């Protein structure tokens, strides 16, 4: 079942067209990441989905309801949860008091103690909000987002201010919510967070979706050329290698291979080294990271370097082989 449908969505502020025919959908029970640089239109899109802002054109459906319709918006508010970048919370209430108060806004909330444990605030349940660290406040924000037991949860930069350990703990919470049936729409600037959490991804630029897929396939990442590099062994020249490849001034040899050729290239290279009793120091095998792909998709053409992005090269290489 589809939880969110966006078709030809348009929104302008004066003469500035922020959303120019957006199209995407979110399936029920998945984590969907909406990515884009600052100013791409992510916040406007989320506010329209959440019912806080009207649209100028197109169709939007959230859990089968139109968030622009007053009656639907009221019903929708009981079925969605929000974790925004800035949530106004009474600073002199305790964590327990804050979560308990918000639970009263919903007809069938989750258990307060269970939610406090879920977000890792057991030891701070009696602490006042004003005394929490930045990361702890974000955990409280998450608790307030899930206390209503939402079918759909919007997470806007949920781990900003978290240390690495806290981020991974938050990821586990988000995965558990997804596994229990909650659909999640996530925005974040952390590509490792997208890699760790998202089932599907869409990238915004210029008020439109410019690419979508899974973290593994976005931008043709699964077909991109793989980079293999190593230090040239002592007393060896490039001519001695079993493949043609350049080296930089530090002696690092780099070659690229299509996805289906990587195993054969590595076999030839390592077999050559083993036959001669050589070590291939600093041997690495890398495909473009999700961050590489994201930057190549969103960087304006006039800012791109003359060298092709690896992903684009990989796509073209695949077309030429077919």
C-alpha atoms as a PDB file:
ATOM      1  CA  UNK A   1       0.000   0.000   0.000  1.00  0.00           C
ATOM      2  CA  UNK A   2       1.236   3.503  -0.808  1.00  0.00           C
ATOM      3  CA  UNK A   3       1.473   5.813   2.219  1.00  0.00           C
ATOM      4  CA  UNK A   4       2.372   9.039   0.379  1.00  0.00           C
ATOM      5  CA  UNK A   5       1.592  10.062  -3.202  1.00  0.00           C
ATOM      6  CA  UNK A   6       2.934  13.287  -4.723  1.00  0.00           C
ATOM      7  CA  UNK A   7       2.062  14.085  -8.333  1.00  0.00           C
ATOM      8  CA  UNK A   8       2.991  17.260 -10.235  1.00  0.00           C
ATOM      9  CA  UNK A   9       3.326  19.227  -6.987  1.00  0.00           C
ATOM     10  CA  UNK A  10       3.840  22.967  -7.465  1.00  0.00           C
ATOM     11  CA  UNK A  11       4.448  25.802  -5.034  1.00  0.00           C
ATOM     12  CA  UNK A  12       5.573  29.387  -5.567  1.00  0.00           C
ATOM     13  CA  UNK A  13       6.411  32.273  -3.273  1.00  0.00           C
ATOM     14  CA  UNK A  14       5.656  35.365  -5.310  1.00  0.00           C
ATOM     15  CA  UNK A  15       7.478  34.941  -8.597  1.00  0.00           C
ATOM     16  CA  UNK A  16       9.848  32.304  -7.211  1.00  0.00           C
ATOM     17  CA  UNK A  17       8.745  28.780  -8.118  1.00  0.00           C
ATOM     18  CA  UNK A  18      10.034  26.529  -5.346  1.00  0.00           C
ATOM     19  CA  UNK A  19       8.427  23.248  -6.432  1.00  0.00           C
ATOM     20  CA  UNK A  20       8.146  22.665 -10.163  1.00  0.00           C
ATOM     21  CA  UNK A  21       6.142  19.500 -10.736  1.00  0.00           C
ATOM     22  CA  UNK A  22       7.392  17.157  -7.999  1.00  0.00           C
ATOM     23  CA  UNK A  23       6.596  13.441  -8.342  1.00  0.00           C
ATOM     24  CA  UNK A  24       7.365  10.677  -5.859  1.00  0.00           C
ATOM     25  CA  UNK A  25       5.682   8.083  -3.670  1.00  0.00           C
ATOM     26  CA  UNK A  26       6.431   6.372  -0.371  1.00  0.00           C
ATOM     27  CA  UNK A  27       5.410   2.781   0.230  1.00  0.00           C
ATOM     28  CA  UNK A  28       3.833   1.738   3.510  1.00  0.00           C
ATOM     29  CA  UNK A  29       6.341   0.367   6.029  1.00  0.00           C
ATOM     30  CA  UNK A  30       9.491   1.745   4.399  1.00  0.00           C
ATOM     31  CA  UNK A  31      12.043   4.379   5.331  1.00  0.00           C
ATOM     32  CA  UNK A  32      12.091   6.948   2.540  1.00  0.00           C
ATOM     33  CA  UNK A  33      14.898   9.533   2.446  1.00  0.00           C
ATOM     34  CA  UNK A  34      14.260  12.855   0.694  1.00  0.00           C
ATOM     35  CA  UNK A  35      17.608  14.493  -0.038  1.00  0.00           C
ATOM     36  CA  UNK A  36      18.609  17.883  -1.376  1.00  0.00           C
ATOM     37  CA  UNK A  37      20.836  20.829  -0.647  1.00  0.00           C
ATOM     38  CA  UNK A  38      19.622  23.783   1.418  1.00  0.00           C
ATOM     39  CA  UNK A  39      17.077  25.701  -0.634  1.00  0.00           C
ATOM     40  CA  UNK A  40      16.125  22.718  -2.788  1.00  0.00           C
ATOM     41  CA  UNK A  41      12.543  22.756  -1.478  1.00  0.00           C
ATOM     42  CA  UNK A  42      12.618  19.892   1.052  1.00  0.00           C
ATOM     43  CA  UNK A  43      11.111  21.906   3.904  1.00  0.00           C
ATOM     44  CA  UNK A  44       8.306  23.245   1.719  1.00  0.00           C
ATOM     45  CA  UNK A  45       7.561  19.722   0.514  1.00  0.00           C
ATOM     46  CA  UNK A  46       7.385  18.348   4.064  1.00  0.00           C
ATOM     47  CA  UNK A  47       5.210  21.234   5.257  1.00  0.00           C
ATOM     48  CA  UNK A  48       2.736  20.510   2.453  1.00  0.00           C
ATOM     49  CA  UNK A  49       2.685  16.799   3.318  1.00  0.00           C
ATOM     50  CA  UNK A  50       2.207  17.612   7.012  1.00  0.00           C
ATOM     51  CA  UNK A  51      -0.660  20.010   6.289  1.00  0.00           C
ATOM     52  CA  UNK A  52       1.097  23.166   7.464  1.00  0.00           C
ATOM     53  CA  UNK A  53       1.308  24.783   4.028  1.00  0.00           C
ATOM     54  CA  UNK A  54      -0.976  24.826   1.007  1.00  0.00           C
ATOM     55  CA  UNK A  55       0.050  23.927  -2.525  1.00  0.00           C
ATOM     56  CA  UNK A  56      -0.476  25.764  -5.797  1.00  0.00           C
ATOM     57  CA  UNK A  57      -1.007  22.713  -7.957  1.00  0.00           C
ATOM     58  CA  UNK A  58      -0.750  18.959  -8.212  1.00  0.00           C
ATOM     59  CA  UNK A  59      -2.024  16.078  -6.134  1.00  0.00           C
ATOM     60  CA  UNK A  60      -0.932  15.087  -2.617  1.00  0.00           C
ATOM     61  CA  UNK A  61      -2.246  12.117  -0.683  1.00  0.00           C
ATOM     62  CA  UNK A  62      -0.997  11.134   2.789  1.00  0.00           C
ATOM     63  CA  UNK A  63      -2.433   7.929   4.292  1.00  0.00           C
ATOM     64  CA  UNK A  64      -5.299   8.269   1.848  1.00  0.00           C
ATOM     65  CA  UNK A  65      -6.108  11.837   2.930  1.00  0.00           C
ATOM     66  CA  UNK A  66      -5.522  15.285   1.427  1.00  0.00           C
ATOM     67  CA  UNK A  67      -3.548  17.359   3.986  1.00  0.00           C
ATOM     68  CA  UNK A  68      -4.850  20.601   2.458  1.00  0.00           C
ATOM     69  CA  UNK A  69      -8.452  19.735   3.365  1.00  0.00           C
ATOM     70  CA  UNK A  70      -9.413  20.877   6.862  1.00  0.00           C
ATOM     71  CA  UNK A  71     -11.330  17.736   7.779  1.00  0.00           C
ATOM     72  CA  UNK A  72      -8.614  15.447   6.425  1.00  0.00           C
ATOM     73  CA  UNK A  73      -5.936  17.493   8.141  1.00  0.00           C
ATOM     74  CA  UNK A  74      -7.601  17.011  11.524  1.00  0.00           C
ATOM     75  CA  UNK A  75      -7.858  13.233  11.025  1.00  0.00           C
ATOM     76  CA  UNK A  76      -4.319  13.123   9.714  1.00  0.00           C
ATOM     77  CA  UNK A  77      -2.904  14.854  12.798  1.00  0.00           C
ATOM     78  CA  UNK A  78      -3.873  11.804  14.879  1.00  0.00           C
ATOM     79  CA  UNK A  79      -2.089   9.402  12.527  1.00  0.00           C
ATOM     80  CA  UNK A  80       1.250  11.104  11.867  1.00  0.00           C
ATOM     81  CA  UNK A  81       4.206  12.047  14.054  1.00  0.00           C
ATOM     82  CA  UNK A  82       6.655  14.911  13.558  1.00  0.00           C
ATOM     83  CA  UNK A  83      10.273  15.276  14.615  1.00  0.00           C
ATOM     84  CA  UNK A  84      11.182  18.761  13.429  1.00  0.00           C
ATOM     85  CA  UNK A  85      14.487  20.598  13.722  1.00  0.00           C
ATOM     86  CA  UNK A  86      13.080  22.965  16.364  1.00  0.00           C
ATOM     87  CA  UNK A  87      10.279  21.872  18.671  1.00  0.00           C
ATOM     88  CA  UNK A  88       8.971  24.260  21.328  1.00  0.00           C
ATOM     89  CA  UNK A  89       9.027  22.441  24.667  1.00  0.00           C
ATOM     90  CA  UNK A  90       8.409  23.875  28.149  1.00  0.00           C
ATOM     91  CA  UNK A  91      11.945  24.019  29.614  1.00  0.00           C
ATOM     92  CA  UNK A  92      10.892  23.612  33.244  1.00  0.00           C
ATOM     93  CA  UNK A  93       8.964  20.376  32.758  1.00  0.00           C
ATOM     94  CA  UNK A  94      10.705  17.050  33.255  1.00  0.00           C
ATOM     95  CA  UNK A  95      11.146  14.506  30.480  1.00  0.00           C
ATOM     96  CA  UNK A  96       8.399  12.355  32.017  1.00  0.00           C
ATOM     97  CA  UNK A  97       6.012  15.299  32.369  1.00  0.00           C
ATOM     98  CA  UNK A  98       6.659  16.444  28.799  1.00  0.00           C
ATOM     99  CA  UNK A  99       6.048  13.049  27.213  1.00  0.00           C
ATOM    100  CA  UNK A 100       3.013  12.392  29.435  1.00  0.00           C
ATOM    101  CA  UNK A 101       1.463  15.740  28.476  1.00  0.00           C
ATOM    102  CA  UNK A 102       1.895  15.065  24.766  1.00  0.00           C
ATOM    103  CA  UNK A 103       0.488  11.564  25.118  1.00  0.00           C
ATOM    104  CA  UNK A 104      -2.779  13.200  26.180  1.00  0.00           C
ATOM    105  CA  UNK A 105      -3.164  14.775  22.748  1.00  0.00           C
ATOM    106  CA  UNK A 106      -3.764  11.394  21.071  1.00  0.00           C
ATOM    107  CA  UNK A 107      -6.682   8.957  21.289  1.00  0.00           C
ATOM    108  CA  UNK A 108      -4.482   5.834  21.576  1.00  0.00           C
ATOM    109  CA  UNK A 109      -0.928   6.814  22.559  1.00  0.00           C
ATOM    110  CA  UNK A 110       1.952   4.455  23.200  1.00  0.00           C
ATOM    111  CA  UNK A 111       2.943   3.703  26.771  1.00  0.00           C
ATOM    112  CA  UNK A 112       4.916   6.672  28.153  1.00  0.00           C
ATOM    113  CA  UNK A 113       7.505   4.578  30.009  1.00  0.00           C
ATOM    114  CA  UNK A 114       8.010   2.383  26.947  1.00  0.00           C
ATOM    115  CA  UNK A 115       8.674   5.414  24.737  1.00  0.00           C
ATOM    116  CA  UNK A 116      11.129   6.977  27.191  1.00  0.00           C
ATOM    117  CA  UNK A 117      13.034   3.684  27.269  1.00  0.00           C
ATOM    118  CA  UNK A 118      12.842   3.379  23.475  1.00  0.00           C
ATOM    119  CA  UNK A 119      14.650   6.691  22.929  1.00  0.00           C
ATOM    120  CA  UNK A 120      17.239   6.051  25.642  1.00  0.00           C
ATOM    121  CA  UNK A 121      16.155   8.635  28.214  1.00  0.00           C
ATOM    122  CA  UNK A 122      15.473   6.340  31.176  1.00  0.00           C
ATOM    123  CA  UNK A 123      18.201   7.948  33.254  1.00  0.00           C
ATOM    124  CA  UNK A 124      16.875  11.442  32.447  1.00  0.00           C
ATOM    125  CA  UNK A 125      13.169  10.833  33.016  1.00  0.00           C
ATOM    126  CA  UNK A 126      13.074  13.229  36.019  1.00  0.00           C
ATOM    127  CA  UNK A 127      15.509  15.776  34.534  1.00  0.00           C
ATOM    128  CA  UNK A 128      14.127  19.119  33.381  1.00  0.00           C
ATOM    129  CA  UNK A 129      14.211  19.833  29.668  1.00  0.00           C
ATOM    130  CA  UNK A 130      16.439  22.877  30.192  1.00  0.00           C
ATOM    131  CA  UNK A 131      19.135  20.646  31.727  1.00  0.00           C
ATOM    132  CA  UNK A 132      19.329  18.192  28.813  1.00  0.00           C
ATOM    133  CA  UNK A 133      22.216  18.178  26.357  1.00  0.00           C
ATOM    134  CA  UNK A 134      21.598  18.890  22.681  1.00  0.00           C
ATOM    135  CA  UNK A 135      21.588  15.191  21.827  1.00  0.00           C
ATOM    136  CA  UNK A 136      19.248  14.390  24.715  1.00  0.00           C
ATOM    137  CA  UNK A 137      16.829  17.079  23.548  1.00  0.00           C
ATOM    138  CA  UNK A 138      16.772  15.475  20.105  1.00  0.00           C
ATOM    139  CA  UNK A 139      15.970  12.150  21.793  1.00  0.00           C
ATOM    140  CA  UNK A 140      13.094  13.903  23.550  1.00  0.00           C
ATOM    141  CA  UNK A 141      11.948  15.309  20.198  1.00  0.00           C
ATOM    142  CA  UNK A 142      11.899  11.737  18.871  1.00  0.00           C
ATOM    143  CA  UNK A 143       9.891  10.593  21.898  1.00  0.00           C
ATOM    144  CA  UNK A 144       7.301  13.310  21.235  1.00  0.00           C
ATOM    145  CA  UNK A 145       7.157  12.265  17.594  1.00  0.00           C
ATOM    146  CA  UNK A 146       6.349   8.635  18.349  1.00  0.00           C
ATOM    147  CA  UNK A 147       4.222   8.912  21.519  1.00  0.00           C
ATOM    148  CA  UNK A 148       1.029   9.058  19.431  1.00  0.00           C
ATOM    149  CA  UNK A 149       1.883   5.678  17.838  1.00  0.00           C
ATOM    150  CA  UNK A 150       1.873   7.200  14.335  1.00  0.00           C
ATOM    151  CA  UNK A 151       1.369   5.277  11.128  1.00  0.00           C
ATOM    152  CA  UNK A 152       3.653   7.790   9.412  1.00  0.00           C
ATOM    153  CA  UNK A 153       6.585   9.590  11.026  1.00  0.00           C
ATOM    154  CA  UNK A 154       8.369  12.625   9.547  1.00  0.00           C
ATOM    155  CA  UNK A 155      12.000  12.904  10.689  1.00  0.00           C
ATOM    156  CA  UNK A 156      13.690  16.202   9.809  1.00  0.00           C
ATOM    157  CA  UNK A 157      17.445  15.984  10.520  1.00  0.00           C
ATOM    158  CA  UNK A 158      16.788  13.689  13.501  1.00  0.00           C
ATOM    159  CA  UNK A 159      20.399  13.148  14.668  1.00  0.00           C
ATOM    160  CA  UNK A 160      21.752  16.696  14.450  1.00  0.00           C
ATOM    161  CA  UNK A 161      23.920  17.261  17.526  1.00  0.00           C
ATOM    162  CA  UNK A 162      24.330  13.553  18.293  1.00  0.00           C
ATOM    163  CA  UNK A 163      27.739  12.040  19.013  1.00  0.00           C
ATOM    164  CA  UNK A 164      28.584   8.893  16.966  1.00  0.00           C
ATOM    165  CA  UNK A 165      27.361   6.496  19.649  1.00  0.00           C
ATOM    166  CA  UNK A 166      24.092   8.357  20.113  1.00  0.00           C
ATOM    167  CA  UNK A 167      23.520   8.459  16.346  1.00  0.00           C
ATOM    168  CA  UNK A 168      23.816   4.699  16.051  1.00  0.00           C
ATOM    169  CA  UNK A 169      21.458   4.283  18.985  1.00  0.00           C
ATOM    170  CA  UNK A 170      18.947   6.562  17.258  1.00  0.00           C
ATOM    171  CA  UNK A 171      19.301   4.551  14.050  1.00  0.00           C
ATOM    172  CA  UNK A 172      18.361   1.421  15.953  1.00  0.00           C
ATOM    173  CA  UNK A 173      15.248   3.176  17.279  1.00  0.00           C
ATOM    174  CA  UNK A 174      14.266   4.226  13.753  1.00  0.00           C
ATOM    175  CA  UNK A 175      14.789   0.693  12.404  1.00  0.00           C
ATOM    176  CA  UNK A 176      12.658  -0.742  15.212  1.00  0.00           C
ATOM    177  CA  UNK A 177       9.881   1.700  14.362  1.00  0.00           C
ATOM    178  CA  UNK A 178      10.029   0.662  10.705  1.00  0.00           C
ATOM    179  CA  UNK A 179      10.042  -3.022  11.639  1.00  0.00           C
ATOM    180  CA  UNK A 180       6.945  -2.484  13.788  1.00  0.00           C
ATOM    181  CA  UNK A 181       5.092  -1.079  10.766  1.00  0.00           C
ATOM    182  CA  UNK A 182       5.693   2.683  10.943  1.00  0.00           C
ATOM    183  CA  UNK A 183       6.335   4.407   7.616  1.00  0.00           C
ATOM    184  CA  UNK A 184       9.117   6.984   7.903  1.00  0.00           C
ATOM    185  CA  UNK A 185       9.974  10.007   5.750  1.00  0.00           C
ATOM    186  CA  UNK A 186      13.515  11.138   6.555  1.00  0.00           C
ATOM    187  CA  UNK A 187      15.513  14.212   5.604  1.00  0.00           C
ATOM    188  CA  UNK A 188      19.189  14.379   6.491  1.00  0.00           C
ATOM    189  CA  UNK A 189      22.529  15.687   5.241  1.00  0.00           C
ATOM    190  CA  UNK A 190      24.380  12.619   6.561  1.00  0.00           C
ATOM    191  CA  UNK A 191      24.889  10.149   3.724  1.00  0.00           C
ATOM    192  CA  UNK A 192      25.977   7.406   6.128  1.00  0.00           C
ATOM    193  CA  UNK A 193      22.592   7.811   7.813  1.00  0.00           C
ATOM    194  CA  UNK A 194      20.846   7.326   4.474  1.00  0.00           C
ATOM    195  CA  UNK A 195      23.008   4.291   3.732  1.00  0.00           C
ATOM    196  CA  UNK A 196      22.237   2.794   7.137  1.00  0.00           C
ATOM    197  CA  UNK A 197      18.493   3.460   7.226  1.00  0.00           C
ATOM    198  CA  UNK A 198      16.807   4.170   3.916  1.00  0.00           C
ATOM    199  CA  UNK A 199      14.924   1.601   1.862  1.00  0.00           C
ATOM    200  CA  UNK A 200      14.453   4.130  -0.929  1.00  0.00           C
ATOM    201  CA  UNK A 201      15.858   7.555  -1.763  1.00  0.00           C
ATOM    202  CA  UNK A 202      14.848  10.550  -3.868  1.00  0.00           C
ATOM    203  CA  UNK A 203      17.108  13.520  -4.624  1.00  0.00           C
ATOM    204  CA  UNK A 204      15.712  17.041  -5.086  1.00  0.00           C
ATOM    205  CA  UNK A 205      17.270  19.898  -7.032  1.00  0.00           C
ATOM    206  CA  UNK A 206      15.642  22.950  -8.532  1.00  0.00           C
ATOM    207  CA  UNK A 207      12.234  22.055  -7.125  1.00  0.00           C
ATOM    208  CA  UNK A 208      12.107  18.664  -8.829  1.00  0.00           C
ATOM    209  CA  UNK A 209      13.082  15.051  -8.199  1.00  0.00           C
ATOM    210  CA  UNK A 210      16.171  14.472 -10.311  1.00  0.00           C
ATOM    211  CA  UNK A 211      16.811  10.841  -9.397  1.00  0.00           C
ATOM    212  CA  UNK A 212      15.440   8.104  -7.175  1.00  0.00           C
ATOM    213  CA  UNK A 213      16.198   4.524  -6.269  1.00  0.00           C
ATOM    214  CA  UNK A 214      17.732   2.572  -3.409  1.00  0.00           C
ATOM    215  CA  UNK A 215      20.993   3.636  -1.727  1.00  0.00           C
ATOM    216  CA  UNK A 216      22.750   0.967  -3.789  1.00  0.00           C
ATOM    217  CA  UNK A 217      21.280   1.959  -7.165  1.00  0.00           C
ATOM    218  CA  UNK A 218      20.866   5.744  -6.887  1.00  0.00           C
ATOM    219  CA  UNK A 219      22.403   7.519  -9.864  1.00  0.00           C
ATOM    220  CA  UNK A 220      23.509   4.217 -11.398  1.00  0.00           C
ATOM    221  CA  UNK A 221      25.818   3.569  -8.461  1.00  0.00           C
ATOM    222  CA  UNK A 222      25.531  -0.197  -8.891  1.00  0.00           C
ATOM    223  CA  UNK A 223      26.832   0.112 -12.464  1.00  0.00           C
ATOM    224  CA  UNK A 224      29.579   2.633 -11.736  1.00  0.00           C
ATOM    225  CA  UNK A 225      33.231   1.887 -12.401  1.00  0.00           C
ATOM    226  CA  UNK A 226      35.109   0.410  -9.451  1.00  0.00           C
ATOM    227  CA  UNK A 227      38.471   1.948  -8.564  1.00  0.00           C
ATOM    228  CA  UNK A 228      41.314  -0.410  -7.674  1.00  0.00           C
ATOM    229  CA  UNK A 229      44.500   1.087  -6.282  1.00  0.00           C
ATOM    230  CA  UNK A 230      47.727  -0.105  -4.634  1.00  0.00           C
ATOM    231  CA  UNK A 231      51.327   0.916  -4.105  1.00  0.00           C
ATOM    232  CA  UNK A 232      53.648  -0.129  -6.909  1.00  0.00           C
ATOM    233  CA  UNK A 233      55.915  -2.859  -5.418  1.00  0.00           C
ATOM    234  CA  UNK A 234      59.573  -2.002  -4.960  1.00  0.00           C
ATOM    235  CA  UNK A 235      61.837  -2.785  -7.906  1.00  0.00           C
ATOM    236  CA  UNK A 236      58.825  -3.018 -10.209  1.00  0.00           C
ATOM    237  CA  UNK A 237      57.908  -0.698 -13.034  1.00  0.00           C
ATOM    238  CA  UNK A 238      54.513  -0.020 -14.557  1.00  0.00           C
ATOM    239  CA  UNK A 239      55.565  -2.115 -17.516  1.00  0.00           C
ATOM    240  CA  UNK A 240      55.874  -5.149 -15.223  1.00  0.00           C
ATOM    241  CA  UNK A 241      52.219  -5.024 -14.205  1.00  0.00           C
ATOM    242  CA  UNK A 242      49.697  -7.427 -15.777  1.00  0.00           C
ATOM    243  CA  UNK A 243      47.469  -4.510 -16.705  1.00  0.00           C
ATOM    244  CA  UNK A 244      47.920  -1.019 -18.054  1.00  0.00           C
ATOM    245  CA  UNK A 245      47.513   1.578 -15.309  1.00  0.00           C
ATOM    246  CA  UNK A 246      49.040   4.945 -14.364  1.00  0.00           C
ATOM    247  CA  UNK A 247      50.743   5.831 -11.075  1.00  0.00           C
ATOM    248  CA  UNK A 248      50.866   9.140  -9.224  1.00  0.00           C
ATOM    249  CA  UNK A 249      53.967  10.795  -7.772  1.00  0.00           C
ATOM    250  CA  UNK A 250      53.621   8.778  -4.558  1.00  0.00           C
ATOM    251  CA  UNK A 251      53.703   5.510  -6.478  1.00  0.00           C
ATOM    252  CA  UNK A 252      50.011   4.700  -6.098  1.00  0.00           C
ATOM    253  CA  UNK A 253      48.727   2.755  -9.090  1.00  0.00           C
ATOM    254  CA  UNK A 254      45.046   3.214  -9.969  1.00  0.00           C
ATOM    255  CA  UNK A 255      42.853   1.427 -12.466  1.00  0.00           C
ATOM    256  CA  UNK A 256      39.104   1.224 -13.008  1.00  0.00           C
ATOM    257  CA  UNK A 257      36.918  -1.750 -13.848  1.00  0.00           C
ATOM    258  CA  UNK A 258      33.267  -2.251 -14.700  1.00  0.00           C
ATOM    259  CA  UNK A 259      31.221  -3.994 -12.018  1.00  0.00           C
ATOM    260  CA  UNK A 260      31.198  -7.384 -13.755  1.00  0.00           C
ATOM    261  CA  UNK A 261      34.962  -7.249 -14.440  1.00  0.00           C
ATOM    262  CA  UNK A 262      36.230  -6.477 -10.914  1.00  0.00           C
ATOM    263  CA  UNK A 263      36.749 -10.094  -9.842  1.00  0.00           C
ATOM    264  CA  UNK A 264      38.694 -10.941 -12.998  1.00  0.00           C
ATOM    265  CA  UNK A 265      40.904  -7.844 -12.715  1.00  0.00           C
ATOM    266  CA  UNK A 266      41.672  -8.558  -9.049  1.00  0.00           C
ATOM    267  CA  UNK A 267      42.415 -12.216  -9.819  1.00  0.00           C
ATOM    268  CA  UNK A 268      44.866 -11.255 -12.533  1.00  0.00           C
ATOM    269  CA  UNK A 269      46.539  -8.641 -10.346  1.00  0.00           C
ATOM    270  CA  UNK A 270      46.804 -10.695  -7.139  1.00  0.00           C
ATOM    271  CA  UNK A 271      47.811 -13.813  -9.047  1.00  0.00           C
ATOM    272  CA  UNK A 272      50.647 -11.862 -10.644  1.00  0.00           C
ATOM    273  CA  UNK A 273      51.785 -10.621  -7.216  1.00  0.00           C
ATOM    274  CA  UNK A 274      51.607 -14.062  -5.564  1.00  0.00           C
ATOM    275  CA  UNK A 275      53.594 -15.688  -8.389  1.00  0.00           C
ATOM    276  CA  UNK A 276      56.384 -13.197  -7.720  1.00  0.00           C
ATOM    277  CA  UNK A 277      56.169 -13.184  -3.932  1.00  0.00           C
ATOM    278  CA  UNK A 278      55.125  -9.536  -3.887  1.00  0.00           C
ATOM    279  CA  UNK A 279      52.850  -7.659  -1.485  1.00  0.00           C
ATOM    280  CA  UNK A 280      50.349  -5.144  -2.863  1.00  0.00           C
ATOM    281  CA  UNK A 281      50.430  -2.618  -0.045  1.00  0.00           C
ATOM    282  CA  UNK A 282      47.406  -0.323   0.477  1.00  0.00           C
ATOM    283  CA  UNK A 283      45.292  -2.389  -1.890  1.00  0.00           C
ATOM    284  CA  UNK A 284      41.801  -0.868  -1.986  1.00  0.00           C
ATOM    285  CA  UNK A 285      38.701  -1.626  -4.004  1.00  0.00           C
ATOM    286  CA  UNK A 286      36.146   1.210  -4.018  1.00  0.00           C
ATOM    287  CA  UNK A 287      32.955   2.082  -5.800  1.00  0.00           C
ATOM    288  CA  UNK A 288      31.647   5.650  -5.677  1.00  0.00           C
ATOM    289  CA  UNK A 289      30.152   6.307  -2.253  1.00  0.00           C
ATOM    290  CA  UNK A 290      26.593   7.488  -1.804  1.00  0.00           C
ATOM    291  CA  UNK A 291      28.033  10.922  -1.043  1.00  0.00           C
ATOM    292  CA  UNK A 292      29.973  10.889  -4.343  1.00  0.00           C
ATOM    293  CA  UNK A 293      26.765  10.053  -6.194  1.00  0.00           C
ATOM    294  CA  UNK A 294      24.739  12.690  -4.365  1.00  0.00           C
ATOM    295  CA  UNK A 295      27.294  15.412  -5.112  1.00  0.00           C
ATOM    296  CA  UNK A 296      27.520  14.445  -8.776  1.00  0.00           C
ATOM    297  CA  UNK A 297      23.726  14.614  -9.068  1.00  0.00           C
ATOM    298  CA  UNK A 298      23.249  17.944  -7.292  1.00  0.00           C
ATOM    299  CA  UNK A 299      26.329  19.909  -8.316  1.00  0.00           C
ATOM    300  CA  UNK A 300      25.443  22.508 -10.982  1.00  0.00           C
ATOM    301  CA  UNK A 301      26.897  21.660 -14.377  1.00  0.00           C
ATOM    302  CA  UNK A 302      28.994  24.821 -14.494  1.00  0.00           C
ATOM    303  CA  UNK A 303      30.654  23.813 -11.194  1.00  0.00           C
ATOM    304  CA  UNK A 304      31.566  20.283 -12.235  1.00  0.00           C
ATOM    305  CA  UNK A 305      35.176  19.523 -13.034  1.00  0.00           C
ATOM    306  CA  UNK A 306      36.151  18.538 -16.556  1.00  0.00           C
ATOM    307  CA  UNK A 307      36.682  14.984 -15.316  1.00  0.00           C
ATOM    308  CA  UNK A 308      33.552  12.866 -15.491  1.00  0.00           C
ATOM    309  CA  UNK A 309      31.881  11.712 -12.291  1.00  0.00           C
ATOM    310  CA  UNK A 310      32.593   7.991 -11.870  1.00  0.00           C
ATOM    311  CA  UNK A 311      28.885   7.192 -11.913  1.00  0.00           C
ATOM    312  CA  UNK A 312      28.282   8.919 -15.233  1.00  0.00           C
ATOM    313  CA  UNK A 313      31.296   7.153 -16.695  1.00  0.00           C
ATOM    314  CA  UNK A 314      29.997   3.822 -15.465  1.00  0.00           C
ATOM    315  CA  UNK A 315      26.598   4.373 -17.041  1.00  0.00           C
ATOM    316  CA  UNK A 316      28.174   5.267 -20.365  1.00  0.00           C
ATOM    317  CA  UNK A 317      30.515   2.280 -20.194  1.00  0.00           C
ATOM    318  CA  UNK A 318      27.501   0.016 -19.657  1.00  0.00           C
ATOM    319  CA  UNK A 319      25.692   1.524 -22.662  1.00  0.00           C
ATOM    320  CA  UNK A 320      28.753   1.046 -24.879  1.00  0.00           C
ATOM    321  CA  UNK A 321      29.041  -2.642 -23.886  1.00  0.00           C
ATOM    322  CA  UNK A 322      25.378  -3.232 -24.607  1.00  0.00           C
END
